[in-house]
Amino acid sequence: MYEYLEGTIFRQAPTSLVLDVGGVGYALFVPLGTSPKKGKRVRIWVHQVVREDAHTLYGFSDANQRDLFRLLLSVRGVGPSVALSLLSGMNSGELVQSIQIGDRNALTGIKGVGKKTAEQILLDLGERVARLSNDSAFVDLANSTGRETVQRDAQLTDAISALVSIGYKEKDAIRLVEKAAAEMDDLDVETLIRSALHG
């Protein structure tokens, strides 16, 4: 089993990237906000899902987020897509806190997470996440991705594209992103995406 891969970002999209490791390109699905610059050398913590028809890699900026992903997968009814949606809609610390305090509304506010799934997450993980909440490594991934100032229109377009890539209709993505942008003073794409997901 892979623990981590270290290499250079060859190609990236809002929820996926290709990591060049010694001339071999590894395709990984990642949470929104895991967006190192193309060409930058990074270490990506990995979880591999093996099925009869596919071997799929999921990548994370740190081991704690990867371990939280694995905890989510242990919940009945939670697959990789739902786990990624949860880690895209909230940073690790927020997700752990929501589970600890039993905030079902925070979980059901994420696309793909229904009432039954949220209740199962709270039931299965309420106590298991307690030890994670004190880990200082649970910080917003956006803090480590080297944000750059870009034009407002470009930020809105990137945020809309990210929502479309995870299943939103374009008109709904536009509405959610514009609503989120109207409530923010300083725009950055990752915060804009998170706000739109909760909109």
N, C-alpha and C. Protein backbone atom coordinates (compact mmCIF):
# COMPACT_ATOMS: atom_id res chain seq x y z
N MET A 1 0.84 -1.20 0.00
CA MET A 1 0.00 0.00 0.00
C MET A 1 0.87 1.25 0.00
N TYR A 2 0.47 2.26 -0.76
CA TYR A 2 1.21 3.51 -0.78
C TYR A 2 0.98 4.31 0.51
N GLU A 3 2.02 4.97 1.00
CA GLU A 3 1.88 5.89 2.13
C GLU A 3 1.83 7.33 1.61
N TYR A 4 2.80 7.67 0.78
CA TYR A 4 2.78 8.97 0.14
C TYR A 4 3.57 8.89 -1.16
N LEU A 5 3.33 9.87 -2.03
CA LEU A 5 4.09 10.01 -3.26
C LEU A 5 4.70 11.40 -3.28
N GLU A 6 5.93 11.49 -3.72
CA GLU A 6 6.61 12.79 -3.79
C GLU A 6 7.07 13.02 -5.21
N GLY A 7 6.66 14.14 -5.77
CA GLY A 7 7.02 14.42 -7.15
C GLY A 7 6.57 15.81 -7.55
N THR A 8 6.42 16.01 -8.86
CA THR A 8 6.09 17.32 -9.41
C THR A 8 4.70 17.29 -10.02
N ILE A 9 3.94 18.34 -9.77
CA ILE A 9 2.60 18.44 -10.34
C ILE A 9 2.72 18.62 -11.85
N PHE A 10 2.19 17.66 -12.61
CA PHE A 10 2.24 17.71 -14.07
C PHE A 10 0.97 18.33 -14.64
N ARG A 11 -0.17 17.94 -14.09
CA ARG A 11 -1.45 18.48 -14.54
C ARG A 11 -2.39 18.55 -13.34
N GLN A 12 -3.27 19.54 -13.31
CA GLN A 12 -4.18 19.64 -12.19
C GLN A 12 -5.54 20.17 -12.63
N ALA A 13 -6.55 19.79 -11.88
CA ALA A 13 -7.91 20.26 -12.05
C ALA A 13 -8.45 20.47 -10.64
N PRO A 14 -9.65 21.04 -10.49
CA PRO A 14 -10.15 21.30 -9.13
C PRO A 14 -10.19 20.08 -8.22
N THR A 15 -10.52 18.91 -8.77
CA THR A 15 -10.65 17.72 -7.92
C THR A 15 -9.74 16.56 -8.35
N SER A 16 -8.71 16.86 -9.10
CA SER A 16 -7.78 15.81 -9.51
C SER A 16 -6.45 16.42 -9.89
N LEU A 17 -5.43 15.58 -9.93
CA LEU A 17 -4.12 16.03 -10.40
C LEU A 17 -3.34 14.82 -10.88
N VAL A 18 -2.31 15.12 -11.67
CA VAL A 18 -1.36 14.09 -12.09
C VAL A 18 -0.01 14.46 -11.50
N LEU A 19 0.55 13.53 -10.73
CA LEU A 19 1.83 13.76 -10.06
C LEU A 19 2.91 12.95 -10.78
N ASP A 20 3.93 13.65 -11.26
CA ASP A 20 5.06 13.01 -11.94
C ASP A 20 6.08 12.58 -10.89
N VAL A 21 6.20 11.27 -10.72
CA VAL A 21 7.16 10.72 -9.76
C VAL A 21 8.21 9.94 -10.54
N GLY A 22 9.35 10.54 -10.75
CA GLY A 22 10.42 9.87 -11.47
C GLY A 22 10.05 9.44 -12.87
N GLY A 23 9.24 10.25 -13.55
CA GLY A 23 8.86 9.95 -14.91
C GLY A 23 7.60 9.11 -15.04
N VAL A 24 6.99 8.75 -13.91
CA VAL A 24 5.72 8.01 -13.92
C VAL A 24 4.62 8.94 -13.44
N GLY A 25 3.54 9.05 -14.22
CA GLY A 25 2.45 9.95 -13.85
C GLY A 25 1.37 9.22 -13.08
N TYR A 26 1.14 9.65 -11.85
CA TYR A 26 0.10 9.07 -11.01
C TYR A 26 -1.12 9.99 -11.02
N ALA A 27 -2.27 9.45 -11.40
CA ALA A 27 -3.51 10.22 -11.38
C ALA A 27 -4.18 10.06 -10.02
N LEU A 28 -4.48 11.19 -9.38
CA LEU A 28 -5.08 11.15 -8.05
C LEU A 28 -6.32 12.04 -8.01
N PHE A 29 -7.34 11.57 -7.32
CA PHE A 29 -8.49 12.41 -7.01
C PHE A 29 -8.21 13.09 -5.67
N VAL A 30 -8.52 14.38 -5.58
CA VAL A 30 -8.20 15.16 -4.39
C VAL A 30 -9.39 16.02 -3.98
N PRO A 31 -9.45 16.43 -2.71
CA PRO A 31 -10.50 17.36 -2.29
C PRO A 31 -10.29 18.73 -2.94
N LEU A 32 -11.37 19.47 -3.10
CA LEU A 32 -11.24 20.86 -3.55
C LEU A 32 -10.32 21.61 -2.60
N GLY A 33 -9.48 22.45 -3.16
CA GLY A 33 -8.56 23.21 -2.33
C GLY A 33 -7.18 22.60 -2.26
N THR A 34 -7.03 21.35 -2.70
CA THR A 34 -5.71 20.72 -2.74
C THR A 34 -5.11 21.03 -4.09
N SER A 35 -4.57 22.24 -4.21
CA SER A 35 -4.17 22.72 -5.54
C SER A 35 -2.76 23.30 -5.55
N PRO A 36 -1.74 22.46 -5.35
CA PRO A 36 -0.37 22.97 -5.47
C PRO A 36 -0.13 23.48 -6.89
N LYS A 37 0.80 24.40 -7.02
CA LYS A 37 1.09 24.95 -8.34
C LYS A 37 1.66 23.89 -9.27
N LYS A 38 1.24 23.96 -10.53
CA LYS A 38 1.82 23.08 -11.54
C LYS A 38 3.32 23.30 -11.59
N GLY A 39 4.06 22.21 -11.64
CA GLY A 39 5.51 22.30 -11.68
C GLY A 39 6.17 22.30 -10.31
N LYS A 40 5.36 22.44 -9.26
CA LYS A 40 5.91 22.46 -7.90
C LYS A 40 6.12 21.05 -7.39
N ARG A 41 7.20 20.83 -6.67
CA ARG A 41 7.48 19.52 -6.08
C ARG A 41 6.75 19.42 -4.75
N VAL A 42 5.98 18.37 -4.57
CA VAL A 42 5.16 18.23 -3.37
C VAL A 42 5.16 16.78 -2.89
N ARG A 43 4.74 16.61 -1.65
CA ARG A 43 4.48 15.28 -1.10
C ARG A 43 2.98 15.15 -0.92
N ILE A 44 2.39 14.13 -1.52
CA ILE A 44 0.95 13.90 -1.44
C ILE A 44 0.71 12.59 -0.70
N TRP A 45 -0.07 12.65 0.37
CA TRP A 45 -0.41 11.46 1.14
C TRP A 45 -1.54 10.73 0.43
N VAL A 46 -1.44 9.42 0.36
CA VAL A 46 -2.25 8.65 -0.58
C VAL A 46 -3.09 7.58 0.11
N HIS A 47 -4.28 7.39 -0.44
CA HIS A 47 -5.11 6.22 -0.09
C HIS A 47 -5.49 5.54 -1.40
N GLN A 48 -5.33 4.23 -1.45
CA GLN A 48 -5.63 3.46 -2.65
C GLN A 48 -6.89 2.63 -2.45
N VAL A 49 -7.79 2.71 -3.41
CA VAL A 49 -9.00 1.88 -3.40
C VAL A 49 -8.87 0.89 -4.55
N VAL A 50 -8.91 -0.40 -4.21
CA VAL A 50 -8.75 -1.46 -5.20
C VAL A 50 -10.09 -2.14 -5.42
N ARG A 51 -10.54 -2.14 -6.66
CA ARG A 51 -11.75 -2.86 -7.04
C ARG A 51 -11.43 -3.73 -8.23
N GLU A 52 -12.37 -4.60 -8.59
CA GLU A 52 -12.13 -5.52 -9.70
C GLU A 52 -11.85 -4.78 -11.00
N ASP A 53 -12.54 -3.64 -11.19
CA ASP A 53 -12.42 -2.93 -12.47
C ASP A 53 -11.52 -1.71 -12.42
N ALA A 54 -10.96 -1.40 -11.25
CA ALA A 54 -10.13 -0.19 -11.19
C ALA A 54 -9.30 -0.15 -9.91
N HIS A 55 -8.12 0.46 -10.03
CA HIS A 55 -7.29 0.81 -8.87
C HIS A 55 -7.25 2.33 -8.85
N THR A 56 -7.80 2.95 -7.82
CA THR A 56 -7.94 4.40 -7.79
C THR A 56 -7.14 4.98 -6.63
N LEU A 57 -6.44 6.07 -6.90
CA LEU A 57 -5.65 6.75 -5.88
C LEU A 57 -6.33 8.07 -5.48
N TYR A 58 -6.35 8.32 -4.18
CA TYR A 58 -6.87 9.57 -3.64
C TYR A 58 -5.73 10.26 -2.90
N GLY A 59 -5.56 11.56 -3.14
CA GLY A 59 -4.42 12.27 -2.59
C GLY A 59 -4.82 13.39 -1.63
N PHE A 60 -3.94 13.64 -0.64
CA PHE A 60 -4.23 14.61 0.40
C PHE A 60 -2.97 15.38 0.78
N SER A 61 -3.17 16.60 1.24
CA SER A 61 -2.04 17.46 1.55
C SER A 61 -1.29 17.03 2.80
N ASP A 62 -1.95 16.33 3.71
CA ASP A 62 -1.26 15.87 4.91
C ASP A 62 -1.85 14.54 5.36
N ALA A 63 -1.12 13.86 6.23
CA ALA A 63 -1.52 12.53 6.68
C ALA A 63 -2.80 12.57 7.50
N ASN A 64 -3.03 13.64 8.25
CA ASN A 64 -4.23 13.74 9.07
C ASN A 64 -5.49 13.78 8.21
N GLN A 65 -5.44 14.55 7.12
CA GLN A 65 -6.61 14.61 6.25
C GLN A 65 -6.84 13.24 5.59
N ARG A 66 -5.77 12.58 5.20
CA ARG A 66 -5.88 11.24 4.63
C ARG A 66 -6.51 10.27 5.64
N ASP A 67 -6.08 10.36 6.91
CA ASP A 67 -6.61 9.47 7.93
C ASP A 67 -8.08 9.77 8.21
N LEU A 68 -8.47 11.03 8.12
CA LEU A 68 -9.87 11.39 8.29
C LEU A 68 -10.71 10.84 7.15
N PHE A 69 -10.16 10.88 5.94
CA PHE A 69 -10.81 10.26 4.77
C PHE A 69 -11.05 8.78 5.02
N ARG A 70 -10.06 8.11 5.57
CA ARG A 70 -10.19 6.68 5.85
C ARG A 70 -11.25 6.41 6.93
N LEU A 71 -11.32 7.28 7.92
CA LEU A 71 -12.35 7.15 8.93
C LEU A 71 -13.74 7.27 8.30
N LEU A 72 -13.88 8.23 7.41
CA LEU A 72 -15.17 8.43 6.74
C LEU A 72 -15.55 7.20 5.94
N LEU A 73 -14.58 6.58 5.29
CA LEU A 73 -14.86 5.38 4.49
C LEU A 73 -15.32 4.20 5.34
N SER A 74 -15.00 4.24 6.62
CA SER A 74 -15.41 3.15 7.51
C SER A 74 -16.89 3.23 7.88
N VAL A 75 -17.52 4.34 7.54
CA VAL A 75 -18.94 4.54 7.86
C VAL A 75 -19.81 3.88 6.78
N ARG A 76 -20.80 3.14 7.20
CA ARG A 76 -21.70 2.49 6.25
C ARG A 76 -22.40 3.53 5.39
N GLY A 77 -22.35 3.35 4.09
CA GLY A 77 -23.00 4.28 3.17
C GLY A 77 -22.12 5.42 2.69
N VAL A 78 -20.90 5.50 3.20
CA VAL A 78 -19.98 6.56 2.77
C VAL A 78 -18.90 5.96 1.89
N GLY A 79 -18.90 6.35 0.62
CA GLY A 79 -17.87 5.93 -0.31
C GLY A 79 -16.89 7.06 -0.56
N PRO A 80 -15.92 6.83 -1.43
CA PRO A 80 -14.91 7.86 -1.70
C PRO A 80 -15.49 9.19 -2.18
N SER A 81 -16.53 9.15 -3.01
CA SER A 81 -17.09 10.40 -3.54
C SER A 81 -17.69 11.26 -2.44
N VAL A 82 -18.44 10.62 -1.54
CA VAL A 82 -19.05 11.36 -0.43
C VAL A 82 -17.97 11.86 0.53
N ALA A 83 -16.98 11.03 0.79
CA ALA A 83 -15.89 11.44 1.69
C ALA A 83 -15.14 12.64 1.12
N LEU A 84 -14.88 12.63 -0.19
CA LEU A 84 -14.22 13.77 -0.83
C LEU A 84 -15.08 15.02 -0.77
N SER A 85 -16.39 14.86 -0.96
CA SER A 85 -17.29 16.00 -0.88
C SER A 85 -17.24 16.65 0.50
N LEU A 86 -17.23 15.81 1.53
CA LEU A 86 -17.15 16.33 2.90
C LEU A 86 -15.85 17.09 3.13
N LEU A 87 -14.74 16.54 2.64
CA LEU A 87 -13.44 17.18 2.83
C LEU A 87 -13.25 18.38 1.90
N SER A 88 -14.11 18.49 0.88
CA SER A 88 -14.09 19.66 0.00
C SER A 88 -14.92 20.79 0.59
N GLY A 89 -16.02 20.43 1.24
CA GLY A 89 -16.92 21.43 1.78
C GLY A 89 -16.46 22.03 3.09
N MET A 90 -15.64 21.29 3.83
CA MET A 90 -15.12 21.77 5.11
C MET A 90 -13.66 21.38 5.23
N ASN A 91 -12.88 22.22 5.93
CA ASN A 91 -11.52 21.77 6.19
C ASN A 91 -11.55 20.73 7.29
N SER A 92 -10.45 20.06 7.53
CA SER A 92 -10.42 18.92 8.44
C SER A 92 -10.88 19.29 9.84
N GLY A 93 -10.40 20.42 10.34
CA GLY A 93 -10.77 20.85 11.69
C GLY A 93 -12.26 21.10 11.83
N GLU A 94 -12.84 21.75 10.82
CA GLU A 94 -14.28 22.02 10.85
C GLU A 94 -15.08 20.73 10.82
N LEU A 95 -14.65 19.78 10.00
CA LEU A 95 -15.36 18.52 9.89
C LEU A 95 -15.30 17.74 11.19
N VAL A 96 -14.12 17.68 11.78
CA VAL A 96 -13.96 16.98 13.06
C VAL A 96 -14.85 17.63 14.13
N GLN A 97 -14.85 18.95 14.17
CA GLN A 97 -15.66 19.65 15.17
C GLN A 97 -17.15 19.39 14.95
N SER A 98 -17.58 19.42 13.68
CA SER A 98 -18.99 19.17 13.37
C SER A 98 -19.42 17.78 13.83
N ILE A 99 -18.53 16.80 13.65
CA ILE A 99 -18.85 15.44 14.08
C ILE A 99 -18.87 15.34 15.60
N GLN A 100 -17.91 16.00 16.25
CA GLN A 100 -17.83 15.95 17.71
C GLN A 100 -19.07 16.53 18.38
N ILE A 101 -19.56 17.64 17.87
CA ILE A 101 -20.69 18.31 18.52
C ILE A 101 -22.03 17.82 17.97
N GLY A 102 -21.98 16.89 17.02
CA GLY A 102 -23.21 16.32 16.49
C GLY A 102 -23.99 17.26 15.59
N ASP A 103 -23.27 18.07 14.83
CA ASP A 103 -23.92 19.07 13.97
C ASP A 103 -24.36 18.42 12.65
N ARG A 104 -25.54 17.83 12.66
CA ARG A 104 -26.04 17.15 11.47
C ARG A 104 -26.26 18.12 10.32
N ASN A 105 -26.71 19.34 10.62
CA ASN A 105 -27.00 20.32 9.57
C ASN A 105 -25.74 20.68 8.78
N ALA A 106 -24.61 20.75 9.48
CA ALA A 106 -23.36 21.06 8.79
C ALA A 106 -23.02 19.97 7.78
N LEU A 107 -23.28 18.73 8.15
CA LEU A 107 -22.97 17.61 7.25
C LEU A 107 -23.94 17.53 6.08
N THR A 108 -25.23 17.72 6.35
CA THR A 108 -26.22 17.62 5.28
C THR A 108 -26.16 18.83 4.35
N GLY A 109 -25.43 19.87 4.76
CA GLY A 109 -25.24 21.02 3.88
C GLY A 109 -24.26 20.74 2.75
N ILE A 110 -23.61 19.59 2.80
CA ILE A 110 -22.65 19.19 1.76
C ILE A 110 -23.36 18.34 0.72
N LYS A 111 -23.13 18.64 -0.55
CA LYS A 111 -23.76 17.91 -1.64
C LYS A 111 -23.48 16.41 -1.53
N GLY A 112 -24.55 15.62 -1.62
CA GLY A 112 -24.41 14.18 -1.60
C GLY A 112 -24.56 13.55 -0.22
N VAL A 113 -24.67 14.39 0.82
CA VAL A 113 -24.80 13.88 2.19
C VAL A 113 -26.24 14.09 2.66
N GLY A 114 -26.99 13.00 2.75
CA GLY A 114 -28.37 13.07 3.21
C GLY A 114 -28.46 12.93 4.71
N LYS A 115 -29.69 13.04 5.21
CA LYS A 115 -29.93 12.97 6.65
C LYS A 115 -29.48 11.63 7.22
N LYS A 116 -29.81 10.54 6.54
CA LYS A 116 -29.46 9.21 7.03
C LYS A 116 -27.94 9.02 7.09
N THR A 117 -27.25 9.48 6.04
CA THR A 117 -25.79 9.35 6.01
C THR A 117 -25.15 10.19 7.11
N ALA A 118 -25.65 11.41 7.28
CA ALA A 118 -25.11 12.29 8.32
C ALA A 118 -25.27 11.66 9.70
N GLU A 119 -26.43 11.09 9.96
CA GLU A 119 -26.67 10.46 11.26
C GLU A 119 -25.75 9.26 11.47
N GLN A 120 -25.48 8.53 10.39
CA GLN A 120 -24.59 7.37 10.50
C GLN A 120 -23.16 7.82 10.79
N ILE A 121 -22.74 8.92 10.16
CA ILE A 121 -21.40 9.47 10.42
C ILE A 121 -21.27 9.88 11.88
N LEU A 122 -22.27 10.58 12.39
CA LEU A 122 -22.23 11.03 13.79
C LEU A 122 -22.23 9.83 14.74
N LEU A 123 -23.00 8.81 14.41
CA LEU A 123 -23.09 7.63 15.26
C LEU A 123 -21.77 6.86 15.29
N ASP A 124 -21.17 6.67 14.11
CA ASP A 124 -19.97 5.84 14.00
C ASP A 124 -18.69 6.56 14.42
N LEU A 125 -18.64 7.87 14.19
CA LEU A 125 -17.36 8.58 14.36
C LEU A 125 -17.32 9.57 15.51
N GLY A 126 -18.43 9.75 16.20
CA GLY A 126 -18.47 10.76 17.26
C GLY A 126 -17.32 10.67 18.25
N GLU A 127 -17.04 9.48 18.73
CA GLU A 127 -15.96 9.30 19.71
C GLU A 127 -14.60 9.12 19.04
N ARG A 128 -14.61 8.54 17.86
CA ARG A 128 -13.34 8.21 17.20
C ARG A 128 -12.58 9.45 16.74
N VAL A 129 -13.29 10.56 16.48
CA VAL A 129 -12.59 11.76 16.02
C VAL A 129 -12.07 12.61 17.17
N ALA A 130 -12.43 12.27 18.40
CA ALA A 130 -12.05 13.10 19.54
C ALA A 130 -10.54 13.30 19.62
N ARG A 131 -9.79 12.24 19.37
CA ARG A 131 -8.33 12.34 19.47
C ARG A 131 -7.73 13.17 18.34
N LEU A 132 -8.47 13.33 17.24
CA LEU A 132 -7.94 14.08 16.11
C LEU A 132 -8.08 15.58 16.31
N SER A 133 -9.11 16.00 17.06
CA SER A 133 -9.41 17.42 17.16
C SER A 133 -8.33 18.22 17.85
N ASN A 134 -7.47 17.56 18.63
CA ASN A 134 -6.40 18.26 19.33
C ASN A 134 -5.12 18.34 18.53
N ASP A 135 -5.13 17.80 17.33
CA ASP A 135 -3.93 17.77 16.50
C ASP A 135 -3.80 19.10 15.76
N SER A 136 -2.71 19.81 15.99
CA SER A 136 -2.52 21.13 15.39
C SER A 136 -2.40 21.07 13.88
N ALA A 137 -2.21 19.86 13.34
CA ALA A 137 -2.09 19.74 11.89
C ALA A 137 -3.43 19.89 11.19
N PHE A 138 -4.53 19.86 11.95
CA PHE A 138 -5.84 20.04 11.35
C PHE A 138 -6.09 21.53 11.15
N VAL A 139 -5.58 22.05 10.06
CA VAL A 139 -5.75 23.46 9.72
C VAL A 139 -6.29 23.52 8.30
N ASP A 140 -6.82 24.67 7.95
CA ASP A 140 -7.37 24.86 6.61
C ASP A 140 -6.28 24.62 5.57
N LEU A 141 -6.53 23.71 4.65
CA LEU A 141 -5.54 23.38 3.62
C LEU A 141 -5.19 24.60 2.78
N ALA A 142 -6.09 25.53 2.71
CA ALA A 142 -5.82 26.72 1.91
C ALA A 142 -4.60 27.47 2.39
N ASN A 143 -4.26 27.33 3.67
CA ASN A 143 -3.12 28.05 4.21
C ASN A 143 -1.80 27.58 3.63
N SER A 144 -1.78 26.38 3.05
CA SER A 144 -0.52 25.82 2.56
C SER A 144 -0.46 25.70 1.05
N THR A 145 -1.39 26.29 0.36
CA THR A 145 -1.41 26.09 -1.08
C THR A 145 -0.84 27.26 -1.86
N GLY A 146 -0.30 28.27 -1.17
CA GLY A 146 0.35 29.36 -1.89
C GLY A 146 -0.60 30.13 -2.77
N ARG A 147 -1.67 30.69 -2.20
CA ARG A 147 -2.63 31.42 -3.00
C ARG A 147 -1.98 32.61 -3.71
N GLU A 148 -2.50 32.94 -4.86
CA GLU A 148 -2.05 34.10 -5.59
C GLU A 148 -3.24 35.01 -5.84
N THR A 149 -2.96 36.31 -5.87
CA THR A 149 -4.02 37.26 -6.17
C THR A 149 -4.31 37.24 -7.66
N VAL A 150 -5.55 37.00 -8.02
CA VAL A 150 -5.96 37.01 -9.42
C VAL A 150 -7.17 37.88 -9.56
N GLN A 151 -7.58 38.15 -10.80
CA GLN A 151 -8.71 39.01 -11.05
C GLN A 151 -10.00 38.35 -10.58
N ARG A 152 -10.95 39.20 -10.15
CA ARG A 152 -12.22 38.71 -9.62
C ARG A 152 -12.93 37.76 -10.60
N ASP A 153 -12.99 38.14 -11.87
CA ASP A 153 -13.69 37.31 -12.85
C ASP A 153 -13.06 35.92 -12.95
N ALA A 154 -11.74 35.87 -12.91
CA ALA A 154 -11.05 34.59 -12.99
C ALA A 154 -11.36 33.74 -11.77
N GLN A 155 -11.44 34.37 -10.61
CA GLN A 155 -11.76 33.63 -9.39
C GLN A 155 -13.17 33.05 -9.44
N LEU A 156 -14.10 33.86 -9.92
CA LEU A 156 -15.47 33.39 -10.04
C LEU A 156 -15.57 32.23 -11.02
N THR A 157 -14.86 32.35 -12.13
CA THR A 157 -14.87 31.30 -13.15
C THR A 157 -14.28 30.01 -12.59
N ASP A 158 -13.18 30.11 -11.86
CA ASP A 158 -12.56 28.92 -11.28
C ASP A 158 -13.48 28.25 -10.28
N ALA A 159 -14.14 29.05 -9.46
CA ALA A 159 -15.05 28.50 -8.46
C ALA A 159 -16.24 27.80 -9.13
N ILE A 160 -16.79 28.43 -10.15
CA ILE A 160 -17.91 27.83 -10.89
C ILE A 160 -17.48 26.52 -11.54
N SER A 161 -16.32 26.51 -12.15
CA SER A 161 -15.81 25.29 -12.80
C SER A 161 -15.62 24.17 -11.78
N ALA A 162 -15.17 24.53 -10.58
CA ALA A 162 -14.97 23.53 -9.54
C ALA A 162 -16.29 22.89 -9.14
N LEU A 163 -17.33 23.69 -8.99
CA LEU A 163 -18.63 23.15 -8.62
C LEU A 163 -19.21 22.27 -9.73
N VAL A 164 -19.04 22.71 -10.95
CA VAL A 164 -19.52 21.92 -12.09
C VAL A 164 -18.80 20.57 -12.13
N SER A 165 -17.51 20.58 -11.81
CA SER A 165 -16.72 19.35 -11.87
C SER A 165 -17.16 18.31 -10.85
N ILE A 166 -17.85 18.74 -9.79
CA ILE A 166 -18.31 17.77 -8.78
C ILE A 166 -19.81 17.52 -8.88
N GLY A 167 -20.41 17.95 -10.01
CA GLY A 167 -21.78 17.53 -10.27
C GLY A 167 -22.86 18.58 -10.26
N TYR A 168 -22.53 19.84 -9.97
CA TYR A 168 -23.54 20.88 -10.00
C TYR A 168 -23.85 21.29 -11.44
N LYS A 169 -25.11 21.63 -11.70
CA LYS A 169 -25.46 22.21 -12.98
C LYS A 169 -24.85 23.60 -13.05
N GLU A 170 -24.47 24.02 -14.27
CA GLU A 170 -23.77 25.30 -14.40
C GLU A 170 -24.59 26.47 -13.85
N LYS A 171 -25.88 26.48 -14.14
CA LYS A 171 -26.69 27.61 -13.67
C LYS A 171 -26.76 27.65 -12.14
N ASP A 172 -26.79 26.46 -11.51
CA ASP A 172 -26.80 26.40 -10.05
C ASP A 172 -25.45 26.83 -9.49
N ALA A 173 -24.37 26.41 -10.16
CA ALA A 173 -23.03 26.79 -9.72
C ALA A 173 -22.85 28.30 -9.80
N ILE A 174 -23.32 28.90 -10.88
CA ILE A 174 -23.21 30.35 -11.04
C ILE A 174 -23.97 31.06 -9.93
N ARG A 175 -25.18 30.58 -9.66
CA ARG A 175 -26.01 31.22 -8.63
C ARG A 175 -25.34 31.13 -7.25
N LEU A 176 -24.83 29.95 -6.91
CA LEU A 176 -24.22 29.76 -5.61
C LEU A 176 -22.93 30.58 -5.45
N VAL A 177 -22.12 30.59 -6.50
CA VAL A 177 -20.86 31.34 -6.44
C VAL A 177 -21.11 32.84 -6.35
N GLU A 178 -22.04 33.34 -7.14
CA GLU A 178 -22.34 34.79 -7.11
C GLU A 178 -22.90 35.19 -5.75
N LYS A 179 -23.73 34.33 -5.17
CA LYS A 179 -24.28 34.61 -3.84
C LYS A 179 -23.17 34.66 -2.80
N ALA A 180 -22.25 33.68 -2.87
CA ALA A 180 -21.14 33.63 -1.92
C ALA A 180 -20.23 34.84 -2.09
N ALA A 181 -19.96 35.21 -3.34
CA ALA A 181 -19.07 36.34 -3.61
C ALA A 181 -19.65 37.65 -3.07
N ALA A 182 -20.96 37.77 -3.13
CA ALA A 182 -21.61 39.01 -2.66
C ALA A 182 -21.46 39.19 -1.15
N GLU A 183 -21.22 38.09 -0.45
CA GLU A 183 -21.12 38.14 1.01
C GLU A 183 -19.67 38.18 1.49
N MET A 184 -18.72 38.23 0.55
CA MET A 184 -17.30 38.22 0.91
C MET A 184 -16.63 39.52 0.52
N ASP A 185 -15.77 40.00 1.40
CA ASP A 185 -15.02 41.22 1.11
C ASP A 185 -13.78 40.91 0.26
N ASP A 186 -13.02 39.91 0.71
CA ASP A 186 -11.80 39.52 0.00
C ASP A 186 -12.01 38.13 -0.58
N LEU A 187 -11.94 38.06 -1.90
CA LEU A 187 -12.18 36.78 -2.56
C LEU A 187 -10.89 35.97 -2.69
N ASP A 188 -10.96 34.71 -2.36
CA ASP A 188 -9.97 33.75 -2.85
C ASP A 188 -10.78 32.52 -3.24
N VAL A 189 -10.29 31.80 -4.22
CA VAL A 189 -11.08 30.76 -4.86
C VAL A 189 -11.52 29.68 -3.88
N GLU A 190 -10.61 29.24 -3.03
CA GLU A 190 -10.95 28.13 -2.14
C GLU A 190 -12.01 28.50 -1.12
N THR A 191 -11.88 29.70 -0.52
CA THR A 191 -12.90 30.15 0.43
C THR A 191 -14.21 30.37 -0.28
N LEU A 192 -14.14 30.88 -1.50
CA LEU A 192 -15.34 31.10 -2.31
C LEU A 192 -16.05 29.78 -2.59
N ILE A 193 -15.30 28.75 -2.92
CA ILE A 193 -15.88 27.43 -3.19
C ILE A 193 -16.55 26.89 -1.94
N ARG A 194 -15.86 26.98 -0.80
CA ARG A 194 -16.42 26.45 0.45
C ARG A 194 -17.71 27.19 0.80
N SER A 195 -17.71 28.51 0.64
CA SER A 195 -18.89 29.31 0.94
C SER A 195 -20.05 28.93 0.02
N ALA A 196 -19.74 28.72 -1.26
CA ALA A 196 -20.77 28.34 -2.22
C ALA A 196 -21.35 26.98 -1.90
N LEU A 197 -20.52 26.05 -1.46
CA LEU A 197 -20.99 24.71 -1.11
C LEU A 197 -21.96 24.74 0.07
N HIS A 198 -21.78 25.74 0.92
CA HIS A 198 -22.67 25.86 2.09
C HIS A 198 -23.84 26.78 1.79
N GLY A 199 -23.86 27.35 0.59
CA GLY A 199 -24.93 28.30 0.24
C GLY A 199 -26.23 27.65 -0.10
